[in-house]
């Protein structure tokens, strides 16, 4: 009796459906096709194991080989497997794209967090700067207000009745009011309008005024040209400083040239508006400057407006800030010519030896250590 082996019965049962052979869902009509399909399935199973760890690039290379004319597959199972690989490639690409997008999203979120931190930091810094600027503005405005009120009070004090010969509290005798410029000076009669001011401010030397401008200030003098750069007339620290006369100028035995200094403040205080004289139109509307010493009144007519600078000590050049007294007519004329050559425009006003001059000097920021200078000569009356 012929006995059919068990495995043959299993194979027939497993792979026969409706009289046809089937492998991996594909049906084959002949035994030959069936055997070829089994061969392809064995190869595919091997490849599946080998490609488990393949990345997208290696899968693409494998698909390229399997699609070549030397394809190892004999049945449609090969095409099915190629489509399976291509599906894996698409899935990998989607996963890669999703992973890349996720990374980009994470990077974007991190950047947004950093940007938000920077934004908050900038807001904080700007807020602090705003508070600081506001505080500075308040302090500066208050300081400016104090200066203005102080000058107004001084102006009113000029108009008050003179306290004549105040009594010395020690000797009981009357005192004569005179200037005390850090040392003995010969007595000279002080103008009545400045006597009250001089009692209160011993270093007062005069008063400067230019009509229709904010330049309307007391003028101080001491033996140190640095002091009034950062002190007011009450001897308090003040970055506005005061208008002051050069320490080497003499109002008792009048110098040829009175030199007055003041800061060029952005607020316009002190000599902040002096550089308006850069405009010839402004000059024509403000030709005259009133400068009184505490001993005599003075009206000055603008002659020269020019720019200069503070030079090194060994520079051989005209230094306007050293011109206080002219020892000869030749020296005086030389100084006049130097200033005329530097003048921004021609005023038509000239001076001769024996004339008294007034020089106003402030900072000019067009160059390092720059100075803006206005020079006027004393006249008896406006022309």
Protein backbone atom coordinates (compact mmCIF):
# COMPACT_ATOMS: atom_id res chain seq x y z
CA UNK A 1 0.00 0.00 0.00
CA UNK A 2 1.38 3.49 -0.99
CA UNK A 3 1.53 5.80 1.95
CA UNK A 4 1.56 9.58 1.33
CA UNK A 5 4.06 11.31 3.61
CA UNK A 6 2.59 13.57 6.29
CA UNK A 7 4.47 16.68 5.13
CA UNK A 8 3.09 16.19 1.60
CA UNK A 9 -0.44 16.07 2.97
CA UNK A 10 0.27 19.26 5.00
CA UNK A 11 1.68 21.01 1.97
CA UNK A 12 -1.27 20.06 -0.15
CA UNK A 13 -3.71 21.16 2.52
CA UNK A 14 -1.81 24.34 3.28
CA UNK A 15 -1.24 25.49 -0.26
CA UNK A 16 -4.15 24.08 -2.18
CA UNK A 17 -7.34 26.11 -2.38
CA UNK A 18 -9.99 25.33 -4.91
CA UNK A 19 -7.47 23.23 -6.86
CA UNK A 20 -4.90 26.05 -7.04
CA UNK A 21 -1.56 26.62 -5.37
CA UNK A 22 -1.22 29.71 -3.08
CA UNK A 23 1.85 31.49 -1.63
CA UNK A 24 1.60 34.72 0.43
CA UNK A 25 -1.91 35.38 -0.83
CA UNK A 26 -0.98 34.82 -4.47
CA UNK A 27 -2.46 31.82 -6.40
CA UNK A 28 -0.50 29.85 -8.95
CA UNK A 29 -2.11 27.47 -11.45
CA UNK A 30 0.78 25.13 -12.10
CA UNK A 31 3.13 23.16 -10.01
CA UNK A 32 6.07 24.85 -11.71
CA UNK A 33 4.83 28.34 -10.89
CA UNK A 34 4.14 27.20 -7.38
CA UNK A 35 7.72 25.92 -6.94
CA UNK A 36 9.08 29.21 -8.33
CA UNK A 37 6.90 31.14 -5.88
CA UNK A 38 8.21 29.04 -3.00
CA UNK A 39 11.78 29.89 -4.10
CA UNK A 40 10.94 33.60 -4.26
CA UNK A 41 9.30 33.42 -0.84
CA UNK A 42 12.40 31.86 0.66
CA UNK A 43 14.55 34.64 -0.82
CA UNK A 44 12.10 37.29 0.36
CA UNK A 45 12.07 35.88 3.91
CA UNK A 46 15.86 36.03 3.94
CA UNK A 47 15.85 39.59 2.67
CA UNK A 48 13.27 40.61 5.25
CA UNK A 49 15.55 39.41 8.03
CA UNK A 50 18.58 41.15 6.53
CA UNK A 51 16.84 44.48 5.93
CA UNK A 52 15.28 44.89 9.35
CA UNK A 53 17.98 47.43 10.32
CA UNK A 54 18.33 49.07 6.89
CA UNK A 55 17.99 52.83 6.71
CA UNK A 56 16.17 54.60 3.90
CA UNK A 57 19.29 55.01 1.76
CA UNK A 58 20.13 51.30 1.88
CA UNK A 59 16.54 50.36 1.16
CA UNK A 60 16.58 52.60 -1.93
CA UNK A 61 19.78 50.93 -3.12
CA UNK A 62 18.22 47.48 -2.61
CA UNK A 63 15.10 48.42 -4.53
CA UNK A 64 17.28 49.66 -7.37
CA UNK A 65 19.05 46.31 -7.56
CA UNK A 66 15.83 44.31 -7.36
CA UNK A 67 14.30 46.36 -10.21
CA UNK A 68 17.29 45.85 -12.49
CA UNK A 69 17.24 43.42 -15.44
CA UNK A 70 19.11 40.96 -13.24
CA UNK A 71 16.25 40.71 -10.77
CA UNK A 72 16.49 37.49 -8.71
CA UNK A 73 12.72 37.01 -8.59
CA UNK A 74 10.85 34.57 -10.86
CA UNK A 75 7.27 35.36 -9.86
CA UNK A 76 4.98 38.23 -8.99
CA UNK A 77 6.01 37.81 -5.36
CA UNK A 78 9.14 39.76 -6.25
CA UNK A 79 7.09 42.78 -7.36
CA UNK A 80 5.01 42.50 -4.19
CA UNK A 81 8.18 42.59 -2.10
CA UNK A 82 9.57 45.57 -4.03
CA UNK A 83 6.30 47.44 -3.35
CA UNK A 84 6.65 46.45 0.29
CA UNK A 85 10.15 47.94 0.38
CA UNK A 86 8.95 51.12 -1.35
CA UNK A 87 6.17 51.40 1.23
CA UNK A 88 8.79 51.13 3.97
CA UNK A 89 10.84 53.85 2.25
CA UNK A 90 7.82 56.16 2.12
CA UNK A 91 7.07 55.43 5.76
CA UNK A 92 10.68 56.14 6.71
CA UNK A 93 10.57 59.41 4.81
CA UNK A 94 7.35 60.39 6.51
CA UNK A 95 8.84 59.49 9.89
CA UNK A 96 12.04 61.33 9.01
CA UNK A 97 10.06 64.39 7.91
CA UNK A 98 7.94 64.20 11.04
CA UNK A 99 11.06 63.83 13.14
CA UNK A 100 12.70 66.73 11.31
CA UNK A 101 9.55 68.80 11.72
CA UNK A 102 9.44 67.87 15.38
CA UNK A 103 13.07 68.94 15.75
CA UNK A 104 12.40 72.14 13.87
CA UNK A 105 9.37 72.77 16.04
CA UNK A 106 11.48 72.16 19.13
CA UNK A 107 14.17 74.51 17.81
CA UNK A 108 11.53 77.10 16.91
CA UNK A 109 9.97 76.83 20.36
CA UNK A 110 13.41 77.22 21.94
CA UNK A 111 14.13 80.25 19.77
CA UNK A 112 10.76 81.74 20.67
CA UNK A 113 11.53 81.19 24.34
CA UNK A 114 14.89 82.90 23.95
CA UNK A 115 13.30 85.70 21.95
CA UNK A 116 10.63 86.13 24.62
CA UNK A 117 13.34 86.23 27.31
CA UNK A 118 15.25 88.85 25.32
CA UNK A 119 12.05 90.81 24.78
CA UNK A 120 11.27 90.77 28.49
CA UNK A 121 14.87 91.71 29.29
CA UNK A 122 14.70 94.59 26.81
CA UNK A 123 11.41 95.74 28.32
CA UNK A 124 13.00 95.61 31.77
CA UNK A 125 16.10 97.49 30.59
CA UNK A 126 14.01 100.07 28.73
CA UNK A 127 11.79 100.48 31.77
CA UNK A 128 14.81 101.01 34.00
CA UNK A 129 16.30 103.44 31.48
CA UNK A 130 12.95 105.20 31.28
CA UNK A 131 12.81 105.54 35.05
CA UNK A 132 16.45 106.70 35.11
CA UNK A 133 15.82 109.22 32.32
CA UNK A 134 12.68 110.44 34.05
CA UNK A 135 14.60 110.77 37.30
CA UNK A 136 17.40 112.59 35.49
CA UNK A 137 14.87 114.86 33.80
CA UNK A 138 13.19 115.63 37.11
CA UNK A 139 16.51 116.35 38.83
CA UNK A 140 17.77 118.36 35.86
CA UNK A 141 14.50 120.29 35.57
CA UNK A 142 14.56 121.00 39.30
CA UNK A 143 18.18 122.17 39.05
CA UNK A 144 17.29 124.36 36.07
CA UNK A 145 14.27 125.70 37.97
CA UNK A 146 16.48 126.52 40.97
CA UNK A 147 18.96 128.37 38.78
CA UNK A 148 16.21 130.34 37.09
CA UNK A 149 14.53 131.24 40.38
CA UNK A 150 17.87 132.09 41.93
CA UNK A 151 18.74 134.46 39.09
CA UNK A 152 15.29 136.03 39.27
CA UNK A 153 15.79 136.57 42.99
CA UNK A 154 19.19 138.12 42.34
CA UNK A 155 17.70 140.40 39.71
CA UNK A 156 15.07 141.54 42.19
CA UNK A 157 17.79 142.02 44.80
CA UNK A 158 19.55 144.43 42.42
CA UNK A 159 16.44 146.59 42.44
CA UNK A 160 15.97 146.64 46.21
CA UNK A 161 17.11 149.60 48.32
CA UNK A 162 20.80 149.46 49.03
CA UNK A 163 21.96 148.27 52.42
CA UNK A 164 24.53 151.04 52.82
CA UNK A 165 27.64 150.38 54.86
CA UNK A 166 26.48 147.37 56.89
CA UNK A 167 27.63 147.37 60.50
CA UNK A 168 30.47 145.08 61.49
CA UNK A 169 29.09 142.76 64.19
CA UNK A 170 32.47 142.62 65.95
CA UNK A 171 33.66 146.21 66.00
CA UNK A 172 30.31 147.92 65.72
CA UNK A 173 31.78 150.12 62.99
CA UNK A 174 30.44 150.52 59.47
CA UNK A 175 32.09 148.60 56.64
CA UNK A 176 32.83 149.73 53.08
CA UNK A 177 31.59 147.22 50.50
CA UNK A 178 34.31 146.11 48.08
CA UNK A 179 35.26 142.99 46.15
CA UNK A 180 37.33 140.32 47.85
CA UNK A 181 38.99 138.18 45.19
CA UNK A 182 40.83 135.76 47.48
CA UNK A 183 43.23 138.52 48.48
CA UNK A 184 43.49 142.21 49.30
CA UNK A 185 42.29 144.68 46.66
CA UNK A 186 42.29 148.45 46.69
CA UNK A 187 38.92 149.82 47.64
CA UNK A 188 36.70 151.09 44.86
CA UNK A 189 33.11 152.23 44.98
CA UNK A 190 30.66 149.46 44.08
CA UNK A 191 27.61 150.33 41.98
CA UNK A 192 24.54 150.64 44.17
CA UNK A 193 22.62 147.90 42.37
CA UNK A 194 25.35 145.38 43.16
CA UNK A 195 25.98 146.23 46.79
CA UNK A 196 23.23 143.97 48.12
CA UNK A 197 24.39 141.13 45.90
CA UNK A 198 28.01 141.57 46.91
CA UNK A 199 27.13 141.35 50.60
CA UNK A 200 25.58 137.94 49.92
CA UNK A 201 28.06 136.72 47.28
CA UNK A 202 31.57 137.98 47.92
CA UNK A 203 32.97 136.56 44.67
CA UNK A 204 30.51 138.36 42.44
CA UNK A 205 32.39 140.40 39.82
CA UNK A 206 29.63 141.55 37.49
CA UNK A 207 26.50 140.78 35.50
CA UNK A 208 26.12 139.67 31.86
CA UNK A 209 23.00 140.11 29.75
CA UNK A 210 22.12 139.64 26.06
CA UNK A 211 18.65 140.92 25.22
CA UNK A 212 16.02 138.41 24.04
CA UNK A 213 18.12 135.43 25.15
CA UNK A 214 18.40 133.42 28.34
CA UNK A 215 21.90 134.85 28.92
CA UNK A 216 21.18 137.01 31.95
CA UNK A 217 23.54 135.86 34.70
CA UNK A 218 25.73 137.03 37.54
CA UNK A 219 29.43 136.64 36.78
CA UNK A 220 31.79 135.20 39.37
CA UNK A 221 35.58 135.27 39.73
CA UNK A 222 38.07 133.44 41.88
CA UNK A 223 41.76 132.58 41.78
CA UNK A 224 40.96 129.08 40.43
CA UNK A 225 39.55 128.89 36.91
CA UNK A 226 38.36 125.34 37.57
CA UNK A 227 36.14 126.09 40.54
CA UNK A 228 33.11 127.68 38.86
CA UNK A 229 33.03 125.04 36.16
CA UNK A 230 31.06 122.87 38.58
CA UNK A 231 29.89 125.22 41.36
CA UNK A 232 27.11 127.74 41.50
CA UNK A 233 27.35 131.16 43.11
CA UNK A 234 26.24 129.64 46.46
CA UNK A 235 29.43 127.55 46.41
CA UNK A 236 27.33 124.37 45.92
CA UNK A 237 28.32 121.61 43.51
CA UNK A 238 26.38 122.14 40.28
CA UNK A 239 27.27 120.61 36.91
CA UNK A 240 25.81 123.69 35.22
CA UNK A 241 28.58 125.65 36.85
CA UNK A 242 28.46 129.45 36.68
CA UNK A 243 29.48 132.17 34.28
CA UNK A 244 32.92 133.26 35.50
CA UNK A 245 35.68 135.66 34.56
CA UNK A 246 39.23 134.49 33.89
CA UNK A 247 41.28 134.69 37.09
CA UNK A 248 43.89 136.93 35.43
CA UNK A 249 41.41 139.63 34.40
CA UNK A 250 41.26 142.74 36.58
CA UNK A 251 38.14 144.89 36.99
CA UNK A 252 39.70 147.42 39.40
CA UNK A 253 42.50 148.35 37.07
CA UNK A 254 40.61 147.23 33.97
CA UNK A 255 42.24 144.69 31.69
CA UNK A 256 42.27 145.22 27.95
CA UNK A 257 40.10 142.13 27.52
CA UNK A 258 37.59 140.62 29.95
CA UNK A 259 37.25 136.88 29.20
CA UNK A 260 34.08 135.17 30.47
CA UNK A 261 33.58 131.38 30.39
CA UNK A 262 30.41 129.31 30.59
CA UNK A 263 29.27 125.77 29.80
CA UNK A 264 27.46 125.01 26.56
CA UNK A 265 24.47 123.27 28.20
CA UNK A 266 22.04 121.33 26.00
CA UNK A 267 19.18 122.89 27.95
CA UNK A 268 20.30 126.28 26.69
CA UNK A 269 21.34 127.41 30.17
CA UNK A 270 24.62 129.21 30.78
CA UNK A 271 26.22 129.72 27.33
CA UNK A 272 24.07 127.05 25.67
CA UNK A 273 22.67 129.58 23.22
CA UNK A 274 25.88 131.50 22.56
CA UNK A 275 26.51 129.60 19.31
CA UNK A 276 23.39 131.23 17.87
CA UNK A 277 25.92 133.89 16.85
CA UNK A 278 27.05 131.44 14.18
CA UNK A 279 24.17 132.91 12.18
CA UNK A 280 24.86 136.37 10.80
CA UNK A 281 21.11 137.02 10.95
CA UNK A 282 21.16 136.35 14.70
CA UNK A 283 24.15 138.67 15.08
CA UNK A 284 22.33 141.50 13.29
CA UNK A 285 19.45 141.15 15.74
CA UNK A 286 21.76 140.90 18.80
CA UNK A 287 24.68 143.23 18.10
CA UNK A 288 25.04 144.45 21.68
CA UNK A 289 25.98 142.77 24.94
CA UNK A 290 25.51 144.31 28.37
CA UNK A 291 28.29 143.53 30.82
CA UNK A 292 28.58 145.42 34.08
CA UNK A 293 31.40 144.92 36.51
CA UNK A 294 30.42 145.63 40.09
CA UNK A 295 32.18 148.99 39.64
CA UNK A 296 30.94 150.23 36.29
CA UNK A 297 28.36 149.60 33.62
CA UNK A 298 29.42 148.50 30.18
CA UNK A 299 27.85 148.14 26.74
CA UNK A 300 29.74 146.10 24.16
CA UNK A 301 29.28 145.76 20.39
CA UNK A 302 30.02 142.38 18.79
CA UNK A 303 33.06 142.42 16.51
CA UNK A 304 34.21 138.86 15.85
CA UNK A 305 32.58 135.43 16.00
CA UNK A 306 34.89 132.48 15.44
CA UNK A 307 35.75 128.92 16.33
CA UNK A 308 39.01 127.94 17.98
CA UNK A 309 40.31 125.31 20.35
CA UNK A 310 42.47 124.80 23.42
CA UNK A 311 46.00 124.23 22.15
CA UNK A 312 49.00 122.47 23.65
CA UNK A 313 51.24 124.67 25.71
CA UNK A 314 54.08 124.49 23.19
CA UNK A 315 51.91 125.14 20.10
CA UNK A 316 52.99 128.36 18.39
CA UNK A 317 49.58 129.75 17.50
CA UNK A 318 47.24 132.56 18.53
CA UNK A 319 45.51 131.54 21.75
CA UNK A 320 42.59 133.88 22.31
CA UNK A 321 42.24 132.75 25.95
CA UNK A 322 45.70 134.19 26.72
CA UNK A 323 44.87 137.63 25.33
CA UNK A 324 44.04 139.64 28.46
CA UNK A 325 46.29 142.70 28.19
CA UNK A 326 48.02 144.19 25.16
CA UNK A 327 51.38 145.70 26.01
CA UNK A 328 51.65 147.72 22.82
CA UNK A 329 49.62 148.98 19.89
CA UNK A 330 51.45 146.56 17.61
CA UNK A 331 50.55 143.62 19.84
CA UNK A 332 46.91 144.76 20.02
CA UNK A 333 46.65 145.13 16.24
CA UNK A 334 48.18 141.69 15.78
CA UNK A 335 45.55 140.15 18.04
CA UNK A 336 42.77 141.94 16.15
CA UNK A 337 44.09 140.64 12.83
CA UNK A 338 44.26 137.07 14.16
CA UNK A 339 40.62 137.19 15.24
CA UNK A 340 39.49 138.89 12.04
CA UNK A 341 41.12 136.10 10.02
CA UNK A 342 39.19 133.46 12.00
CA UNK A 343 35.84 135.31 11.93
CA UNK A 344 32.84 133.48 10.47
CA UNK A 345 31.59 136.71 8.89
CA UNK A 346 32.49 140.38 8.66
CA UNK A 347 30.59 142.62 11.09
CA UNK A 348 32.31 145.76 9.91
CA UNK A 349 33.20 146.56 13.54
CA UNK A 350 36.86 147.18 14.41
CA UNK A 351 38.82 148.19 17.48
CA UNK A 352 41.90 150.30 18.12
CA UNK A 353 44.55 150.24 20.80
CA UNK A 354 43.01 151.56 24.01
CA UNK A 355 39.56 150.04 23.41
CA UNK A 356 38.24 147.68 26.06
CA UNK A 357 37.12 144.22 24.90
CA UNK A 358 34.79 141.49 26.13
CA UNK A 359 35.27 137.83 25.11
CA UNK A 360 32.62 135.15 25.71
CA UNK A 361 33.89 131.58 25.41
CA UNK A 362 32.09 128.23 25.52
CA UNK A 363 32.66 124.65 24.37
CA UNK A 364 32.20 123.72 20.72
CA UNK A 365 31.75 120.05 19.87
CA UNK A 366 32.79 120.18 16.21
CA UNK A 367 36.29 119.16 17.25
CA UNK A 368 38.15 117.93 20.31
CA UNK A 369 38.66 120.72 22.84
CA UNK A 370 36.82 123.05 20.47
CA UNK A 371 35.65 126.51 21.55
CA UNK A 372 33.02 128.92 20.24
CA UNK A 373 34.01 132.54 20.82
CA UNK A 374 32.27 135.93 20.61
CA UNK A 375 34.41 139.08 20.96
CA UNK A 376 32.93 142.57 21.44
CA UNK A 377 34.32 146.05 22.10
CA UNK A 378 33.06 148.55 24.64
CA UNK A 379 30.98 151.43 23.25
CA UNK A 380 29.28 154.39 24.88
CA UNK A 381 25.87 153.83 23.29
CA UNK A 382 24.09 151.80 20.63
CA UNK A 383 24.59 153.11 17.13
